[in-house]
Amino acid sequence: MQAQIEQMRTFVVGGQAPDFTQKTPEGEEMSLSDLRGKVVLLDFWASWCGPCRRENPNVVRMYKKYKDKGFDVLGVSLDKA
């Protein structure tokens, strides 16, 4: 039970996410740890998700406003390849 509680603590808003690697749209591998030291918004989305698509302009606006202050967005598509 304690192990499950500890695992759940890693998935809280504002907490540290576990490292993972994914391909960029250009086909290069990128890890979450590549953005260490920045505040990162993990944006999980899918092309079929209406609310996700409607929120995208707000995410872009936020990125443009705060990118020079150490803010970055890592989009994770839930679409199948």
N, C-alpha and C. Protein backbone atom coordinates (compact mmCIF):
# COMPACT_ATOMS: atom_id res chain seq x y z
N MET A 1 0.82 -1.18 0.00
CA MET A 1 0.00 0.00 0.00
C MET A 1 0.87 1.26 0.00
N GLN A 2 1.91 1.28 0.80
CA GLN A 2 2.80 2.44 0.86
C GLN A 2 3.44 2.70 -0.49
N ALA A 3 3.81 1.65 -1.20
CA ALA A 3 4.42 1.82 -2.53
C ALA A 3 3.43 2.47 -3.49
N GLN A 4 2.17 2.09 -3.42
CA GLN A 4 1.15 2.69 -4.28
C GLN A 4 0.96 4.17 -3.96
N ILE A 5 0.98 4.50 -2.69
CA ILE A 5 0.84 5.90 -2.28
C ILE A 5 2.02 6.71 -2.81
N GLU A 6 3.21 6.18 -2.66
CA GLU A 6 4.40 6.88 -3.15
C GLU A 6 4.33 7.08 -4.66
N GLN A 7 3.87 6.06 -5.39
CA GLN A 7 3.76 6.17 -6.84
C GLN A 7 2.74 7.26 -7.22
N MET A 8 1.63 7.33 -6.51
CA MET A 8 0.61 8.33 -6.79
C MET A 8 1.12 9.74 -6.53
N ARG A 9 2.01 9.90 -5.60
CA ARG A 9 2.55 11.23 -5.28
C ARG A 9 3.35 11.80 -6.44
N THR A 10 3.87 10.95 -7.30
CA THR A 10 4.65 11.45 -8.43
C THR A 10 3.76 12.00 -9.53
N PHE A 11 2.46 11.78 -9.45
CA PHE A 11 1.55 12.22 -10.49
C PHE A 11 0.61 13.31 -10.00
N VAL A 12 1.13 14.28 -9.30
CA VAL A 12 0.30 15.38 -8.81
C VAL A 12 0.63 16.65 -9.59
N VAL A 13 -0.35 17.51 -9.71
CA VAL A 13 -0.12 18.79 -10.38
C VAL A 13 0.97 19.53 -9.64
N GLY A 14 1.96 19.99 -10.37
CA GLY A 14 3.07 20.70 -9.76
C GLY A 14 4.19 19.79 -9.30
N GLY A 15 3.96 18.47 -9.36
CA GLY A 15 4.98 17.51 -8.97
C GLY A 15 5.94 17.22 -10.11
N GLN A 16 6.93 16.42 -9.81
CA GLN A 16 7.89 16.04 -10.83
C GLN A 16 7.38 14.81 -11.57
N ALA A 17 7.30 14.91 -12.87
CA ALA A 17 6.82 13.80 -13.70
C ALA A 17 7.95 12.83 -13.96
N PRO A 18 7.63 11.56 -14.15
CA PRO A 18 8.67 10.60 -14.51
C PRO A 18 9.19 10.91 -15.91
N ASP A 19 10.46 10.66 -16.12
CA ASP A 19 11.07 10.93 -17.42
C ASP A 19 10.52 9.97 -18.47
N PHE A 20 10.35 10.48 -19.68
CA PHE A 20 9.95 9.64 -20.81
C PHE A 20 10.54 10.25 -22.07
N THR A 21 10.58 9.45 -23.11
CA THR A 21 11.12 9.88 -24.40
C THR A 21 10.06 9.67 -25.46
N GLN A 22 9.97 10.63 -26.38
CA GLN A 22 9.05 10.53 -27.51
C GLN A 22 9.71 11.14 -28.73
N LYS A 23 9.14 10.89 -29.89
CA LYS A 23 9.67 11.47 -31.12
C LYS A 23 9.00 12.82 -31.37
N THR A 24 9.81 13.76 -31.85
CA THR A 24 9.29 15.07 -32.25
C THR A 24 8.63 14.92 -33.62
N PRO A 25 7.88 15.93 -34.06
CA PRO A 25 7.30 15.86 -35.41
C PRO A 25 8.37 15.68 -36.50
N GLU A 26 9.60 16.09 -36.20
CA GLU A 26 10.70 15.93 -37.16
C GLU A 26 11.34 14.55 -37.08
N GLY A 27 10.87 13.70 -36.15
CA GLY A 27 11.38 12.35 -36.03
C GLY A 27 12.56 12.18 -35.08
N GLU A 28 12.96 13.26 -34.41
CA GLU A 28 14.06 13.19 -33.45
C GLU A 28 13.52 12.79 -32.08
N GLU A 29 14.34 12.08 -31.31
CA GLU A 29 13.92 11.70 -29.96
C GLU A 29 14.14 12.86 -29.00
N MET A 30 13.18 13.04 -28.11
CA MET A 30 13.26 14.09 -27.09
C MET A 30 12.75 13.52 -25.78
N SER A 31 13.47 13.81 -24.71
CA SER A 31 13.08 13.35 -23.38
C SER A 31 12.60 14.52 -22.55
N LEU A 32 11.73 14.23 -21.63
CA LEU A 32 11.28 15.27 -20.71
C LEU A 32 12.48 15.85 -19.97
N SER A 33 13.45 15.02 -19.65
CA SER A 33 14.63 15.49 -18.92
C SER A 33 15.45 16.49 -19.74
N ASP A 34 15.25 16.56 -21.06
CA ASP A 34 15.92 17.57 -21.89
C ASP A 34 15.48 18.98 -21.50
N LEU A 35 14.35 19.09 -20.83
CA LEU A 35 13.80 20.38 -20.45
C LEU A 35 14.03 20.69 -18.97
N ARG A 36 14.91 19.92 -18.35
CA ARG A 36 15.20 20.11 -16.92
C ARG A 36 15.58 21.57 -16.65
N GLY A 37 15.06 22.10 -15.57
CA GLY A 37 15.34 23.48 -15.19
C GLY A 37 14.28 24.46 -15.67
N LYS A 38 13.36 23.99 -16.50
CA LYS A 38 12.28 24.84 -16.99
C LYS A 38 10.97 24.43 -16.32
N VAL A 39 10.02 25.33 -16.35
CA VAL A 39 8.65 24.99 -15.96
C VAL A 39 8.01 24.44 -17.22
N VAL A 40 7.50 23.21 -17.15
CA VAL A 40 6.99 22.53 -18.35
C VAL A 40 5.52 22.16 -18.17
N LEU A 41 4.73 22.55 -19.15
CA LEU A 41 3.34 22.11 -19.21
C LEU A 41 3.30 20.87 -20.09
N LEU A 42 2.89 19.74 -19.52
CA LEU A 42 2.69 18.53 -20.31
C LEU A 42 1.27 18.60 -20.85
N ASP A 43 1.16 18.76 -22.15
CA ASP A 43 -0.13 18.95 -22.80
C ASP A 43 -0.52 17.68 -23.53
N PHE A 44 -1.36 16.87 -22.90
CA PHE A 44 -1.85 15.64 -23.52
C PHE A 44 -3.07 16.00 -24.36
N TRP A 45 -3.05 15.62 -25.64
CA TRP A 45 -4.12 16.00 -26.54
C TRP A 45 -4.30 14.92 -27.61
N ALA A 46 -5.37 15.05 -28.38
CA ALA A 46 -5.61 14.15 -29.51
C ALA A 46 -6.41 14.91 -30.56
N SER A 47 -6.23 14.54 -31.82
CA SER A 47 -6.92 15.24 -32.90
C SER A 47 -8.43 15.09 -32.80
N TRP A 48 -8.90 14.00 -32.20
CA TRP A 48 -10.33 13.73 -32.07
C TRP A 48 -10.94 14.34 -30.82
N CYS A 49 -10.13 15.01 -30.01
CA CYS A 49 -10.59 15.58 -28.73
C CYS A 49 -10.94 17.06 -28.93
N GLY A 50 -12.24 17.35 -29.03
CA GLY A 50 -12.68 18.72 -29.23
C GLY A 50 -12.19 19.69 -28.16
N PRO A 51 -12.35 19.37 -26.86
CA PRO A 51 -11.86 20.28 -25.83
C PRO A 51 -10.35 20.52 -25.92
N CYS A 52 -9.60 19.48 -26.27
CA CYS A 52 -8.15 19.63 -26.42
C CYS A 52 -7.83 20.63 -27.53
N ARG A 53 -8.50 20.48 -28.65
CA ARG A 53 -8.26 21.35 -29.81
C ARG A 53 -8.68 22.79 -29.52
N ARG A 54 -9.78 22.96 -28.80
CA ARG A 54 -10.22 24.31 -28.46
C ARG A 54 -9.26 25.00 -27.49
N GLU A 55 -8.58 24.22 -26.65
CA GLU A 55 -7.66 24.78 -25.67
C GLU A 55 -6.31 25.15 -26.29
N ASN A 56 -5.99 24.57 -27.43
CA ASN A 56 -4.68 24.77 -28.05
C ASN A 56 -4.29 26.24 -28.24
N PRO A 57 -5.17 27.12 -28.74
CA PRO A 57 -4.76 28.52 -28.87
C PRO A 57 -4.35 29.16 -27.54
N ASN A 58 -4.97 28.75 -26.45
CA ASN A 58 -4.58 29.27 -25.13
C ASN A 58 -3.20 28.78 -24.73
N VAL A 59 -2.90 27.53 -25.05
CA VAL A 59 -1.57 26.97 -24.75
C VAL A 59 -0.51 27.72 -25.55
N VAL A 60 -0.78 27.96 -26.82
CA VAL A 60 0.17 28.69 -27.68
C VAL A 60 0.37 30.11 -27.15
N ARG A 61 -0.71 30.76 -26.77
CA ARG A 61 -0.62 32.12 -26.23
C ARG A 61 0.23 32.14 -24.95
N MET A 62 0.01 31.17 -24.07
CA MET A 62 0.78 31.07 -22.83
C MET A 62 2.27 30.86 -23.12
N TYR A 63 2.55 29.97 -24.07
CA TYR A 63 3.94 29.70 -24.44
C TYR A 63 4.62 30.97 -24.94
N LYS A 64 3.97 31.67 -25.86
CA LYS A 64 4.57 32.89 -26.42
C LYS A 64 4.82 33.94 -25.34
N LYS A 65 3.93 34.01 -24.38
CA LYS A 65 4.04 35.01 -23.32
C LYS A 65 5.18 34.70 -22.34
N TYR A 66 5.38 33.41 -22.02
CA TYR A 66 6.31 33.05 -20.94
C TYR A 66 7.56 32.29 -21.38
N LYS A 67 7.73 32.04 -22.68
CA LYS A 67 8.87 31.22 -23.13
C LYS A 67 10.21 31.81 -22.73
N ASP A 68 10.32 33.13 -22.68
CA ASP A 68 11.59 33.76 -22.32
C ASP A 68 11.85 33.75 -20.81
N LYS A 69 10.88 33.23 -20.05
CA LYS A 69 11.03 33.15 -18.60
C LYS A 69 11.21 31.71 -18.13
N GLY A 70 11.59 30.82 -19.06
CA GLY A 70 11.86 29.43 -18.68
C GLY A 70 10.66 28.51 -18.76
N PHE A 71 9.62 28.93 -19.48
CA PHE A 71 8.41 28.10 -19.62
C PHE A 71 8.45 27.38 -20.96
N ASP A 72 8.07 26.12 -20.95
CA ASP A 72 8.00 25.36 -22.19
C ASP A 72 6.78 24.46 -22.16
N VAL A 73 6.37 24.02 -23.33
CA VAL A 73 5.23 23.13 -23.48
C VAL A 73 5.72 21.87 -24.18
N LEU A 74 5.38 20.73 -23.63
CA LEU A 74 5.68 19.46 -24.28
C LEU A 74 4.35 18.80 -24.59
N GLY A 75 3.99 18.83 -25.87
CA GLY A 75 2.74 18.24 -26.31
C GLY A 75 2.89 16.74 -26.50
N VAL A 76 1.93 16.00 -25.99
CA VAL A 76 1.94 14.54 -26.12
C VAL A 76 0.64 14.14 -26.81
N SER A 77 0.75 13.71 -28.06
CA SER A 77 -0.43 13.31 -28.82
C SER A 77 -0.84 11.90 -28.42
N LEU A 78 -2.13 11.73 -28.22
CA LEU A 78 -2.67 10.41 -27.90
C LEU A 78 -3.19 9.71 -29.15
N ASP A 79 -2.99 10.34 -30.32
CA ASP A 79 -3.38 9.71 -31.58
C ASP A 79 -2.50 8.50 -31.85
N LYS A 80 -3.04 7.55 -32.56
CA LYS A 80 -2.24 6.40 -32.97
C LYS A 80 -1.41 6.81 -34.18
N ALA A 81 -0.22 6.28 -34.27
CA ALA A 81 0.70 6.66 -35.35
C ALA A 81 0.22 6.30 -36.68
